[in-house]
């Protein structure tokens, strides 16, 4: 499979790399939703979080944690969102596992809002459905 991240990893497309090892590549996102917005990408191709193996997932998340600390410090961010979109319905546009590090500032205009639907769902029913599907 060849997507834009595979091409960046293979050096076919330029990027602004801020971290690289045998398993992980981190680049600045072109969109810069906020200053310092970074993508941490698996060098092995996995479509999403549901497919990635545990080793690669844990390696990536260790890098995400270290880079989130460095980015927060570098830009004096007041917080950080760690975000992964899984599937088109969740907003995933590149079908290659990656994690967004989005520094947050008091004056940024980025909106990530959750809607309260507690009256629509019974938590016990939801719990039971989930438990039945744990592998």
C-alpha atoms as a PDB file:
ATOM      1  CA  UNK A   1       0.000   0.000   0.000  1.00  0.00           C
ATOM      2  CA  UNK A   2       1.298   3.459  -0.840  1.00  0.00           C
ATOM      3  CA  UNK A   3      -0.225   6.530   0.760  1.00  0.00           C
ATOM      4  CA  UNK A   4       1.257   9.954   1.423  1.00  0.00           C
ATOM      5  CA  UNK A   5       2.815   8.787   4.721  1.00  0.00           C
ATOM      6  CA  UNK A   6       4.434   5.780   3.030  1.00  0.00           C
ATOM      7  CA  UNK A   7       5.883   8.194   0.448  1.00  0.00           C
ATOM      8  CA  UNK A   8       7.172  10.531   3.178  1.00  0.00           C
ATOM      9  CA  UNK A   9       8.716   7.579   5.054  1.00  0.00           C
ATOM     10  CA  UNK A  10      10.391   6.404   1.805  1.00  0.00           C
ATOM     11  CA  UNK A  11      11.762   9.904   1.127  1.00  0.00           C
ATOM     12  CA  UNK A  12       9.617  10.404  -1.987  1.00  0.00           C
ATOM     13  CA  UNK A  13       7.888  13.477  -0.527  1.00  0.00           C
ATOM     14  CA  UNK A  14       9.654  16.085   1.626  1.00  0.00           C
ATOM     15  CA  UNK A  15       8.552  16.748   5.188  1.00  0.00           C
ATOM     16  CA  UNK A  16       9.701  18.610   8.259  1.00  0.00           C
ATOM     17  CA  UNK A  17      10.975  15.757  10.418  1.00  0.00           C
ATOM     18  CA  UNK A  18      11.354  16.346  14.125  1.00  0.00           C
ATOM     19  CA  UNK A  19      11.984  12.735  15.198  1.00  0.00           C
ATOM     20  CA  UNK A  20      12.890   9.463  13.544  1.00  0.00           C
ATOM     21  CA  UNK A  21      13.951   5.987  14.635  1.00  0.00           C
ATOM     22  CA  UNK A  22      13.591   2.489  13.148  1.00  0.00           C
ATOM     23  CA  UNK A  23       9.861   2.297  13.947  1.00  0.00           C
ATOM     24  CA  UNK A  24       8.527   5.850  14.132  1.00  0.00           C
ATOM     25  CA  UNK A  25       8.606   9.094  12.186  1.00  0.00           C
ATOM     26  CA  UNK A  26       7.342  12.418  13.554  1.00  0.00           C
ATOM     27  CA  UNK A  27       6.752  15.396  11.286  1.00  0.00           C
ATOM     28  CA  UNK A  28       5.189  18.818  11.611  1.00  0.00           C
ATOM     29  CA  UNK A  29       1.675  18.786  10.164  1.00  0.00           C
ATOM     30  CA  UNK A  30       1.358  21.088   7.154  1.00  0.00           C
ATOM     31  CA  UNK A  31      -1.991  22.409   8.455  1.00  0.00           C
ATOM     32  CA  UNK A  32      -0.615  23.541  11.851  1.00  0.00           C
ATOM     33  CA  UNK A  33      -4.055  23.486  13.521  1.00  0.00           C
ATOM     34  CA  UNK A  34      -2.121  25.131  16.359  1.00  0.00           C
ATOM     35  CA  UNK A  35       1.557  26.080  16.603  1.00  0.00           C
ATOM     36  CA  UNK A  36       3.611  22.894  16.874  1.00  0.00           C
ATOM     37  CA  UNK A  37       0.938  20.470  15.563  1.00  0.00           C
ATOM     38  CA  UNK A  38       2.854  17.236  14.974  1.00  0.00           C
ATOM     39  CA  UNK A  39       2.054  13.863  13.405  1.00  0.00           C
ATOM     40  CA  UNK A  40       3.639  10.723  14.833  1.00  0.00           C
ATOM     41  CA  UNK A  41       3.536   7.970  12.221  1.00  0.00           C
ATOM     42  CA  UNK A  42       4.191   4.241  12.248  1.00  0.00           C
ATOM     43  CA  UNK A  43       6.887   3.377   9.719  1.00  0.00           C
ATOM     44  CA  UNK A  44       5.158   0.057   9.128  1.00  0.00           C
ATOM     45  CA  UNK A  45       1.912   0.428   7.269  1.00  0.00           C
ATOM     46  CA  UNK A  46      -1.181  -0.200   9.363  1.00  0.00           C
ATOM     47  CA  UNK A  47      -4.465   1.335   8.246  1.00  0.00           C
ATOM     48  CA  UNK A  48      -5.550   2.317  11.738  1.00  0.00           C
ATOM     49  CA  UNK A  49      -5.389   1.663  15.479  1.00  0.00           C
ATOM     50  CA  UNK A  50      -7.524  -1.456  15.101  1.00  0.00           C
ATOM     51  CA  UNK A  51      -4.819  -3.093  12.950  1.00  0.00           C
ATOM     52  CA  UNK A  52      -1.545  -1.996  14.546  1.00  0.00           C
ATOM     53  CA  UNK A  53       0.364  -4.578  16.563  1.00  0.00           C
ATOM     54  CA  UNK A  54       0.987  -3.939  20.248  1.00  0.00           C
ATOM     55  CA  UNK A  55       4.757  -3.420  19.941  1.00  0.00           C
ATOM     56  CA  UNK A  56       4.455  -0.715  17.294  1.00  0.00           C
ATOM     57  CA  UNK A  57       1.547   0.937  19.093  1.00  0.00           C
ATOM     58  CA  UNK A  58       3.470   1.135  22.366  1.00  0.00           C
ATOM     59  CA  UNK A  59       6.613   2.446  20.609  1.00  0.00           C
ATOM     60  CA  UNK A  60       4.600   5.166  18.927  1.00  0.00           C
ATOM     61  CA  UNK A  61       2.834   6.166  22.123  1.00  0.00           C
ATOM     62  CA  UNK A  62       6.155   6.389  23.997  1.00  0.00           C
ATOM     63  CA  UNK A  63       7.374   8.798  21.304  1.00  0.00           C
ATOM     64  CA  UNK A  64       4.080  10.717  21.448  1.00  0.00           C
ATOM     65  CA  UNK A  65       4.531  11.227  25.197  1.00  0.00           C
ATOM     66  CA  UNK A  66       8.116  12.477  24.890  1.00  0.00           C
ATOM     67  CA  UNK A  67       7.340  14.770  21.974  1.00  0.00           C
ATOM     68  CA  UNK A  68       4.221  16.139  23.682  1.00  0.00           C
ATOM     69  CA  UNK A  69       6.423  17.155  26.629  1.00  0.00           C
ATOM     70  CA  UNK A  70       9.024  18.749  24.340  1.00  0.00           C
ATOM     71  CA  UNK A  71       6.458  20.572  22.194  1.00  0.00           C
ATOM     72  CA  UNK A  72       4.554  21.853  25.224  1.00  0.00           C
ATOM     73  CA  UNK A  73       7.790  23.180  26.705  1.00  0.00           C
ATOM     74  CA  UNK A  74       9.111  24.609  23.418  1.00  0.00           C
ATOM     75  CA  UNK A  75       6.013  26.687  22.752  1.00  0.00           C
ATOM     76  CA  UNK A  76       4.816  27.279  26.324  1.00  0.00           C
ATOM     77  CA  UNK A  77       1.554  25.507  25.477  1.00  0.00           C
ATOM     78  CA  UNK A  78      -1.089  25.440  28.207  1.00  0.00           C
ATOM     79  CA  UNK A  79      -2.256  21.929  27.312  1.00  0.00           C
ATOM     80  CA  UNK A  80      -2.135  19.331  24.569  1.00  0.00           C
ATOM     81  CA  UNK A  81      -4.596  17.130  22.696  1.00  0.00           C
ATOM     82  CA  UNK A  82      -3.403  13.664  21.710  1.00  0.00           C
ATOM     83  CA  UNK A  83      -5.697  12.567  18.898  1.00  0.00           C
ATOM     84  CA  UNK A  84      -6.138   9.537  16.685  1.00  0.00           C
ATOM     85  CA  UNK A  85      -8.899   9.307  14.095  1.00  0.00           C
ATOM     86  CA  UNK A  86      -9.859   5.725  13.193  1.00  0.00           C
ATOM     87  CA  UNK A  87     -11.911   5.349  10.010  1.00  0.00           C
ATOM     88  CA  UNK A  88     -13.526   7.850   7.693  1.00  0.00           C
ATOM     89  CA  UNK A  89     -16.528   8.350   9.998  1.00  0.00           C
ATOM     90  CA  UNK A  90     -14.093   9.511  12.701  1.00  0.00           C
ATOM     91  CA  UNK A  91     -12.355  11.953  10.369  1.00  0.00           C
ATOM     92  CA  UNK A  92      -9.409   9.792   9.259  1.00  0.00           C
ATOM     93  CA  UNK A  93      -8.320  11.018   5.830  1.00  0.00           C
ATOM     94  CA  UNK A  94      -5.024   9.141   5.443  1.00  0.00           C
ATOM     95  CA  UNK A  95      -5.456   5.423   5.999  1.00  0.00           C
ATOM     96  CA  UNK A  96      -2.095   4.951   7.725  1.00  0.00           C
ATOM     97  CA  UNK A  97      -1.887   4.829  11.532  1.00  0.00           C
ATOM     98  CA  UNK A  98      -0.780   8.139  13.000  1.00  0.00           C
ATOM     99  CA  UNK A  99      -1.304  10.229  16.114  1.00  0.00           C
ATOM    100  CA  UNK A 100      -1.758  13.996  16.248  1.00  0.00           C
ATOM    101  CA  UNK A 101      -0.043  16.027  18.958  1.00  0.00           C
ATOM    102  CA  UNK A 102      -1.926  19.325  19.071  1.00  0.00           C
ATOM    103  CA  UNK A 103      -0.568  21.886  21.535  1.00  0.00           C
ATOM    104  CA  UNK A 104      -3.237  24.073  23.067  1.00  0.00           C
ATOM    105  CA  UNK A 105      -3.041  27.753  23.947  1.00  0.00           C
ATOM    106  CA  UNK A 106      -5.342  30.078  25.850  1.00  0.00           C
ATOM    107  CA  UNK A 107      -6.019  32.064  22.681  1.00  0.00           C
ATOM    108  CA  UNK A 108      -6.225  29.318  20.046  1.00  0.00           C
ATOM    109  CA  UNK A 109      -9.414  29.017  18.025  1.00  0.00           C
ATOM    110  CA  UNK A 110      -9.429  25.228  17.668  1.00  0.00           C
ATOM    111  CA  UNK A 111     -12.697  23.603  18.755  1.00  0.00           C
ATOM    112  CA  UNK A 112     -12.873  19.981  19.865  1.00  0.00           C
ATOM    113  CA  UNK A 113     -16.263  19.604  21.486  1.00  0.00           C
ATOM    114  CA  UNK A 114     -18.057  16.627  22.981  1.00  0.00           C
ATOM    115  CA  UNK A 115     -21.840  16.562  23.066  1.00  0.00           C
ATOM    116  CA  UNK A 116     -23.636  15.243  26.163  1.00  0.00           C
ATOM    117  CA  UNK A 117     -25.917  12.344  25.165  1.00  0.00           C
ATOM    118  CA  UNK A 118     -26.263  10.746  28.598  1.00  0.00           C
ATOM    119  CA  UNK A 119     -30.056  10.692  28.370  1.00  0.00           C
ATOM    120  CA  UNK A 120     -29.956   8.677  25.106  1.00  0.00           C
ATOM    121  CA  UNK A 121     -28.018   5.684  26.432  1.00  0.00           C
ATOM    122  CA  UNK A 122     -28.136   3.259  29.328  1.00  0.00           C
ATOM    123  CA  UNK A 123     -24.580   2.830  30.640  1.00  0.00           C
ATOM    124  CA  UNK A 124     -25.176  -0.737  31.841  1.00  0.00           C
ATOM    125  CA  UNK A 125     -26.425  -1.778  28.380  1.00  0.00           C
ATOM    126  CA  UNK A 126     -23.419  -0.123  26.753  1.00  0.00           C
ATOM    127  CA  UNK A 127     -21.055  -1.832  29.191  1.00  0.00           C
ATOM    128  CA  UNK A 128     -22.579  -5.251  28.494  1.00  0.00           C
ATOM    129  CA  UNK A 129     -22.312  -4.798  24.719  1.00  0.00           C
ATOM    130  CA  UNK A 130     -18.644  -3.861  25.039  1.00  0.00           C
ATOM    131  CA  UNK A 131     -17.767  -6.710  27.388  1.00  0.00           C
ATOM    132  CA  UNK A 132     -19.304  -9.247  24.987  1.00  0.00           C
ATOM    133  CA  UNK A 133     -16.893  -8.063  22.291  1.00  0.00           C
ATOM    134  CA  UNK A 134     -13.616  -8.011  24.211  1.00  0.00           C
ATOM    135  CA  UNK A 135     -11.247 -10.517  22.655  1.00  0.00           C
END
